[in-house]
Structures are given as C-alpha cells and as structure tokens.
Amino acid sequence: MLKLHPHFARLLLVLLLLPGAVTHQSCNSRVQQVRAIVFSEELTPPEMDTMQTIKDTIHAEVVNSWHSFYILNGKYPEDIELLDMEPLRTRLTKLLGVKMQEDFLERFDVTPPLEVEDHILFDEGYEVGHKDETAAIAVDMSDDIIYVGMYIGHHLRIFSEKGDTHYPQKFQAWIQQYKK
C-alpha cells in the first residue's frame, strides 16, 4: 500500500475543498451582484392589466386592457368595428383559426346592440338571408376569457379560451336554443 506524507494528504484535502469554496465565493461576489444589477436595468417590465390566480399560484400574463369595452353597451358591433378592436381581434383569430373565423364573421353579420353586464360582453348575430345560421360571442372581462358559438348546418360548435366550460349566463341561454 502506498504511504502518503502527512503534508501531502492535507494539501490534497485542501485542493479538493477549494473549488467549492471558490465557487461559493464567486457566486456571491460583488462582481456577480453588479452584473445582476446591470442585467435588470436593461429589462423593461411588461405592462400588466390583470394577474389571474389559479389554485395557489399566480400566473402573470400580459393582457391588453378590456377597460375600453365596458363603455360599448348598447352600441352596434359594426358601427364601432368591434371585431377589429384589440385584444379581441388577435385572440379571436388564435381561438378560431382563419377558416372558422371567416365562418364566424359571415354569421355575425346582422346583430342587435352589444350587452355589457356584470363584466360580460355579449352579442349574437346571423347571416343575411339565413336566420338559422347564427353566431354568438361572450367575453368575460374579469376572468379574461373569450367564448364563441356558431350554429352551422344544424351543428352547434363552441369555442373557448383555456378550454373553459364555465360559460356566462347569456352565452348558456344562447347555447340552449340549439341543443336538441
């Protein structure tokens, strides 16, 4: 068996422990702290409108404001170009896709005035000359969820963001008209 000199064994032990100590010191050194400050100064925090809580975790998302939609009660969607307003336009395209959005727009041609009540925006419409081809939209502005329904060729199609099935009351009433 190989015998080591006592000083050599101590030196070996110090060398084995030294990298951990150096790493620990370098991570907490002033250089690292200054670097973190420089990086944080370069970032601009996103504008936040809402933070949705799910269970015990907060998920912060950048949300364009729904505040401007609260004043739309009683206005006609085509007069104010509702479906071109952000964040509705972008999110509607993402929810429906291009083809289904075209189908929705065809069926949302003739509409009554918008209804805004209890943080819910709701409206329904139908295709000119085809009152049996209809569409509805509901926006839960407090929970930040868009719901869309279409009745096409005797088939009811429902779309909702986040897979949510807790439909607003007026949207549920619209759905019930077409359930058989």
C-alpha atoms as a PDB file:
ATOM      1  CA  MET A   1       0.000   0.000   0.000  1.00  0.00           C
ATOM      2  CA  LEU A   2       1.164   3.472  -0.838  1.00  0.00           C
ATOM      3  CA  LYS A   3       2.001   5.709   2.114  1.00  0.00           C
ATOM      4  CA  LEU A   4       1.440   9.438   1.726  1.00  0.00           C
ATOM      5  CA  HIS A   5       3.321  12.090   3.533  1.00  0.00           C
ATOM      6  CA  PRO A   6       1.009  13.859   6.084  1.00  0.00           C
ATOM      7  CA  HIS A   7       1.560  17.281   4.479  1.00  0.00           C
ATOM      8  CA  PHE A   8       0.687  15.905   1.064  1.00  0.00           C
ATOM      9  CA  ALA A   9      -2.580  14.419   2.392  1.00  0.00           C
ATOM     10  CA  ARG A  10      -3.549  17.775   3.932  1.00  0.00           C
ATOM     11  CA  LEU A  11      -2.700  19.592   0.715  1.00  0.00           C
ATOM     12  CA  LEU A  12      -4.813  17.116  -1.275  1.00  0.00           C
ATOM     13  CA  LEU A  13      -7.738  17.656   1.104  1.00  0.00           C
ATOM     14  CA  VAL A  14      -7.452  21.452   0.784  1.00  0.00           C
ATOM     15  CA  LEU A  15      -7.336  21.191  -3.014  1.00  0.00           C
ATOM     16  CA  LEU A  16     -10.478  19.059  -3.034  1.00  0.00           C
ATOM     17  CA  LEU A  17     -12.389  21.526  -0.863  1.00  0.00           C
ATOM     18  CA  LEU A  18     -11.029  24.671  -2.535  1.00  0.00           C
ATOM     19  CA  PRO A  19     -13.118  24.610  -5.778  1.00  0.00           C
ATOM     20  CA  GLY A  20     -16.370  24.530  -3.806  1.00  0.00           C
ATOM     21  CA  ALA A  21     -15.251  27.415  -1.632  1.00  0.00           C
ATOM     22  CA  VAL A  22     -14.134  29.437  -4.641  1.00  0.00           C
ATOM     23  CA  THR A  23     -17.398  28.756  -6.482  1.00  0.00           C
ATOM     24  CA  HIS A  24     -19.367  29.740  -3.421  1.00  0.00           C
ATOM     25  CA  GLN A  25     -17.368  32.935  -3.028  1.00  0.00           C
ATOM     26  CA  SER A  26     -17.537  33.852  -6.718  1.00  0.00           C
ATOM     27  CA  CYS A  27     -21.332  33.438  -6.897  1.00  0.00           C
ATOM     28  CA  ASN A  28     -21.771  35.832  -4.020  1.00  0.00           C
ATOM     29  CA  SER A  29     -19.030  38.206  -5.028  1.00  0.00           C
ATOM     30  CA  ARG A  30     -19.625  41.882  -5.804  1.00  0.00           C
ATOM     31  CA  VAL A  31     -18.888  41.224  -9.478  1.00  0.00           C
ATOM     32  CA  GLN A  32     -21.859  38.858  -9.726  1.00  0.00           C
ATOM     33  CA  GLN A  33     -24.129  41.277  -7.855  1.00  0.00           C
ATOM     34  CA  VAL A  34     -23.140  44.166 -10.119  1.00  0.00           C
ATOM     35  CA  ARG A  35     -23.695  42.003 -13.193  1.00  0.00           C
ATOM     36  CA  ALA A  36     -27.211  41.160 -11.976  1.00  0.00           C
ATOM     37  CA  ILE A  37     -27.973  44.832 -11.481  1.00  0.00           C
ATOM     38  CA  VAL A  38     -26.775  45.690 -14.998  1.00  0.00           C
ATOM     39  CA  PHE A  39     -28.965  42.982 -16.499  1.00  0.00           C
ATOM     40  CA  SER A  40     -32.018  44.092 -14.536  1.00  0.00           C
ATOM     41  CA  GLU A  41     -31.592  47.700 -15.672  1.00  0.00           C
ATOM     42  CA  GLU A  42     -31.753  46.587 -19.312  1.00  0.00           C
ATOM     43  CA  LEU A  43     -35.143  44.910 -18.876  1.00  0.00           C
ATOM     44  CA  THR A  44     -38.363  46.839 -19.053  1.00  0.00           C
ATOM     45  CA  PRO A  45     -41.181  45.157 -17.187  1.00  0.00           C
ATOM     46  CA  PRO A  46     -44.269  44.389 -19.298  1.00  0.00           C
ATOM     47  CA  GLU A  47     -47.400  46.398 -18.700  1.00  0.00           C
ATOM     48  CA  MET A  48     -49.764  44.290 -16.669  1.00  0.00           C
ATOM     49  CA  ASP A  49     -53.507  44.699 -16.660  1.00  0.00           C
ATOM     50  CA  THR A  50     -54.535  41.589 -14.763  1.00  0.00           C
ATOM     51  CA  MET A  51     -52.984  38.697 -12.937  1.00  0.00           C
ATOM     52  CA  GLN A  52     -55.011  35.530 -12.918  1.00  0.00           C
ATOM     53  CA  THR A  53     -54.703  33.234  -9.928  1.00  0.00           C
ATOM     54  CA  ILE A  54     -55.019  29.520 -10.383  1.00  0.00           C
ATOM     55  CA  LYS A  55     -55.135  27.498  -7.178  1.00  0.00           C
ATOM     56  CA  ASP A  56     -52.280  28.876  -5.080  1.00  0.00           C
ATOM     57  CA  THR A  57     -50.067  30.048  -7.947  1.00  0.00           C
ATOM     58  CA  ILE A  58     -50.202  33.442  -9.610  1.00  0.00           C
ATOM     59  CA  HIS A  59     -49.726  33.379 -13.363  1.00  0.00           C
ATOM     60  CA  ALA A  60     -48.918  36.830 -14.683  1.00  0.00           C
ATOM     61  CA  GLU A  61     -49.711  37.371 -18.329  1.00  0.00           C
ATOM     62  CA  VAL A  62     -49.505  40.432 -20.482  1.00  0.00           C
ATOM     63  CA  VAL A  63     -53.108  41.318 -21.170  1.00  0.00           C
ATOM     64  CA  ASN A  64     -54.328  44.167 -23.304  1.00  0.00           C
ATOM     65  CA  SER A  65     -56.940  46.061 -21.410  1.00  0.00           C
ATOM     66  CA  TRP A  66     -60.656  45.278 -21.640  1.00  0.00           C
ATOM     67  CA  HIS A  67     -61.414  48.633 -19.964  1.00  0.00           C
ATOM     68  CA  SER A  68     -62.427  50.289 -23.222  1.00  0.00           C
ATOM     69  CA  PHE A  69     -65.028  47.537 -23.823  1.00  0.00           C
ATOM     70  CA  TYR A  70     -67.114  48.451 -20.765  1.00  0.00           C
ATOM     71  CA  ILE A  71     -68.474  51.561 -22.472  1.00  0.00           C
ATOM     72  CA  LEU A  72     -69.716  49.644 -25.544  1.00  0.00           C
ATOM     73  CA  ASN A  73     -73.063  48.671 -24.024  1.00  0.00           C
ATOM     74  CA  GLY A  74     -75.883  49.470 -26.454  1.00  0.00           C
ATOM     75  CA  LYS A  75     -73.609  50.079 -29.443  1.00  0.00           C
ATOM     76  CA  TYR A  76     -73.759  48.075 -32.657  1.00  0.00           C
ATOM     77  CA  PRO A  77     -70.668  45.932 -33.343  1.00  0.00           C
ATOM     78  CA  GLU A  78     -70.393  47.009 -36.987  1.00  0.00           C
ATOM     79  CA  ASP A  79     -70.605  50.719 -36.064  1.00  0.00           C
ATOM     80  CA  ILE A  80     -67.640  50.508 -33.694  1.00  0.00           C
ATOM     81  CA  GLU A  81     -65.777  47.753 -35.596  1.00  0.00           C
ATOM     82  CA  LEU A  82     -65.844  45.556 -32.511  1.00  0.00           C
ATOM     83  CA  LEU A  83     -64.113  42.585 -34.098  1.00  0.00           C
ATOM     84  CA  ASP A  84     -61.174  44.765 -35.181  1.00  0.00           C
ATOM     85  CA  MET A  85     -60.542  46.061 -31.665  1.00  0.00           C
ATOM     86  CA  GLU A  86     -57.603  44.685 -29.675  1.00  0.00           C
ATOM     87  CA  PRO A  87     -57.215  42.416 -27.805  1.00  0.00           C
ATOM     88  CA  LEU A  88     -60.333  40.806 -29.292  1.00  0.00           C
ATOM     89  CA  ARG A  89     -59.116  40.642 -32.898  1.00  0.00           C
ATOM     90  CA  THR A  90     -55.846  38.826 -32.239  1.00  0.00           C
ATOM     91  CA  ARG A  91     -57.269  36.438 -29.693  1.00  0.00           C
ATOM     92  CA  LEU A  92     -60.310  35.633 -31.812  1.00  0.00           C
ATOM     93  CA  THR A  93     -58.024  34.642 -34.694  1.00  0.00           C
ATOM     94  CA  LYS A  94     -55.961  32.480 -32.356  1.00  0.00           C
ATOM     95  CA  LEU A  95     -59.075  30.845 -30.883  1.00  0.00           C
ATOM     96  CA  LEU A  96     -60.885  30.088 -34.141  1.00  0.00           C
ATOM     97  CA  GLY A  97     -58.229  29.878 -36.812  1.00  0.00           C
ATOM     98  CA  VAL A  98     -58.616  31.512 -40.216  1.00  0.00           C
ATOM     99  CA  LYS A  99     -61.369  29.263 -41.687  1.00  0.00           C
ATOM    100  CA  MET A 100     -63.602  29.231 -38.605  1.00  0.00           C
ATOM    101  CA  GLN A 101     -63.126  32.969 -38.158  1.00  0.00           C
ATOM    102  CA  GLU A 102     -64.446  33.505 -41.691  1.00  0.00           C
ATOM    103  CA  ASP A 103     -67.468  31.327 -40.828  1.00  0.00           C
ATOM    104  CA  PHE A 104     -67.986  33.333 -37.651  1.00  0.00           C
ATOM    105  CA  LEU A 105     -67.800  36.687 -39.459  1.00  0.00           C
ATOM    106  CA  GLU A 106     -70.382  35.516 -42.047  1.00  0.00           C
ATOM    107  CA  ARG A 107     -72.801  34.576 -39.265  1.00  0.00           C
ATOM    108  CA  PHE A 108     -72.147  37.670 -37.168  1.00  0.00           C
ATOM    109  CA  ASP A 109     -73.375  39.994 -39.894  1.00  0.00           C
ATOM    110  CA  VAL A 110     -76.774  41.122 -38.548  1.00  0.00           C
ATOM    111  CA  THR A 111     -76.573  41.856 -34.827  1.00  0.00           C
ATOM    112  CA  PRO A 112     -78.500  43.619 -32.080  1.00  0.00           C
ATOM    113  CA  PRO A 113     -76.692  46.167 -29.873  1.00  0.00           C
ATOM    114  CA  LEU A 114     -73.955  44.864 -27.565  1.00  0.00           C
ATOM    115  CA  GLU A 115     -74.803  43.953 -23.994  1.00  0.00           C
ATOM    116  CA  VAL A 116     -72.285  44.589 -21.223  1.00  0.00           C
ATOM    117  CA  GLU A 117     -73.402  43.418 -17.809  1.00  0.00           C
ATOM    118  CA  ASP A 118     -71.508  42.061 -14.778  1.00  0.00           C
ATOM    119  CA  HIS A 119     -68.134  42.215 -16.595  1.00  0.00           C
ATOM    120  CA  ILE A 120     -69.540  40.143 -19.501  1.00  0.00           C
ATOM    121  CA  LEU A 121     -69.744  41.464 -23.051  1.00  0.00           C
ATOM    122  CA  PHE A 122     -72.260  39.507 -25.147  1.00  0.00           C
ATOM    123  CA  ASP A 123     -73.757  39.665 -28.606  1.00  0.00           C
ATOM    124  CA  GLU A 124     -75.209  37.334 -31.197  1.00  0.00           C
ATOM    125  CA  GLY A 125     -75.911  37.597 -34.886  1.00  0.00           C
ATOM    126  CA  TYR A 126     -76.938  35.780 -38.011  1.00  0.00           C
ATOM    127  CA  GLU A 127     -76.047  35.603 -41.652  1.00  0.00           C
ATOM    128  CA  VAL A 128     -78.064  37.823 -44.017  1.00  0.00           C
ATOM    129  CA  GLY A 129     -80.859  35.737 -45.532  1.00  0.00           C
ATOM    130  CA  HIS A 130     -80.109  32.759 -43.244  1.00  0.00           C
ATOM    131  CA  LYS A 131     -81.531  33.361 -39.772  1.00  0.00           C
ATOM    132  CA  ASP A 132     -80.856  29.713 -38.914  1.00  0.00           C
ATOM    133  CA  GLU A 133     -77.087  30.221 -39.366  1.00  0.00           C
ATOM    134  CA  THR A 134     -76.062  32.127 -36.221  1.00  0.00           C
ATOM    135  CA  ALA A 135     -73.079  33.054 -34.098  1.00  0.00           C
ATOM    136  CA  ALA A 136     -72.538  34.448 -30.619  1.00  0.00           C
ATOM    137  CA  ILE A 137     -69.631  35.886 -28.691  1.00  0.00           C
ATOM    138  CA  ALA A 138     -69.155  36.421 -24.980  1.00  0.00           C
ATOM    139  CA  VAL A 139     -66.148  37.985 -23.309  1.00  0.00           C
ATOM    140  CA  ASP A 140     -65.679  37.506 -19.586  1.00  0.00           C
ATOM    141  CA  MET A 141     -63.636  40.619 -18.955  1.00  0.00           C
ATOM    142  CA  SER A 142     -62.956  39.839 -15.295  1.00  0.00           C
ATOM    143  CA  ASP A 143     -61.617  36.318 -15.963  1.00  0.00           C
ATOM    144  CA  ASP A 144     -60.120  37.290 -19.341  1.00  0.00           C
ATOM    145  CA  ILE A 145     -61.776  34.523 -21.398  1.00  0.00           C
ATOM    146  CA  ILE A 146     -63.408  34.696 -24.838  1.00  0.00           C
ATOM    147  CA  TYR A 147     -66.259  32.324 -25.771  1.00  0.00           C
ATOM    148  CA  VAL A 148     -67.585  31.858 -29.303  1.00  0.00           C
ATOM    149  CA  GLY A 149     -70.503  29.793 -30.519  1.00  0.00           C
ATOM    150  CA  MET A 150     -71.670  29.035 -34.053  1.00  0.00           C
ATOM    151  CA  TYR A 151     -74.711  27.174 -35.299  1.00  0.00           C
ATOM    152  CA  ILE A 152     -73.818  25.981 -38.787  1.00  0.00           C
ATOM    153  CA  GLY A 153     -75.805  23.422 -40.785  1.00  0.00           C
ATOM    154  CA  HIS A 154     -77.735  22.197 -37.729  1.00  0.00           C
ATOM    155  CA  HIS A 155     -74.490  21.678 -35.787  1.00  0.00           C
ATOM    156  CA  LEU A 156     -73.552  23.657 -32.697  1.00  0.00           C
ATOM    157  CA  ARG A 157     -69.857  24.490 -32.301  1.00  0.00           C
ATOM    158  CA  ILE A 158     -68.492  26.047 -29.123  1.00  0.00           C
ATOM    159  CA  PHE A 159     -65.013  27.544 -28.680  1.00  0.00           C
ATOM    160  CA  SER A 160     -63.473  28.930 -25.501  1.00  0.00           C
ATOM    161  CA  GLU A 161     -60.058  30.052 -24.433  1.00  0.00           C
ATOM    162  CA  LYS A 162     -58.231  27.943 -21.878  1.00  0.00           C
ATOM    163  CA  GLY A 163     -60.756  25.145 -22.500  1.00  0.00           C
ATOM    164  CA  ASP A 164     -63.112  26.859 -20.071  1.00  0.00           C
ATOM    165  CA  THR A 165     -66.651  25.444 -19.857  1.00  0.00           C
ATOM    166  CA  HIS A 166     -67.989  27.795 -17.192  1.00  0.00           C
ATOM    167  CA  TYR A 167     -69.945  29.771 -19.764  1.00  0.00           C
ATOM    168  CA  PRO A 168     -71.500  33.136 -18.922  1.00  0.00           C
ATOM    169  CA  GLN A 169     -75.259  33.012 -18.342  1.00  0.00           C
ATOM    170  CA  LYS A 170     -76.302  34.763 -21.585  1.00  0.00           C
ATOM    171  CA  PHE A 171     -73.989  32.519 -23.595  1.00  0.00           C
ATOM    172  CA  GLN A 172     -75.524  29.453 -21.917  1.00  0.00           C
ATOM    173  CA  ALA A 173     -79.004  30.700 -22.839  1.00  0.00           C
ATOM    174  CA  TRP A 174     -77.872  31.102 -26.457  1.00  0.00           C
ATOM    175  CA  ILE A 175     -76.475  27.542 -26.459  1.00  0.00           C
ATOM    176  CA  GLN A 176     -79.747  26.128 -25.056  1.00  0.00           C
ATOM    177  CA  GLN A 177     -81.636  27.414 -28.119  1.00  0.00           C
ATOM    178  CA  TYR A 178     -79.734  24.979 -30.327  1.00  0.00           C
ATOM    179  CA  LYS A 179     -79.297  21.925 -28.105  1.00  0.00           C
ATOM    180  CA  LYS A 180     -81.613  19.119 -29.063  1.00  0.00           C
END
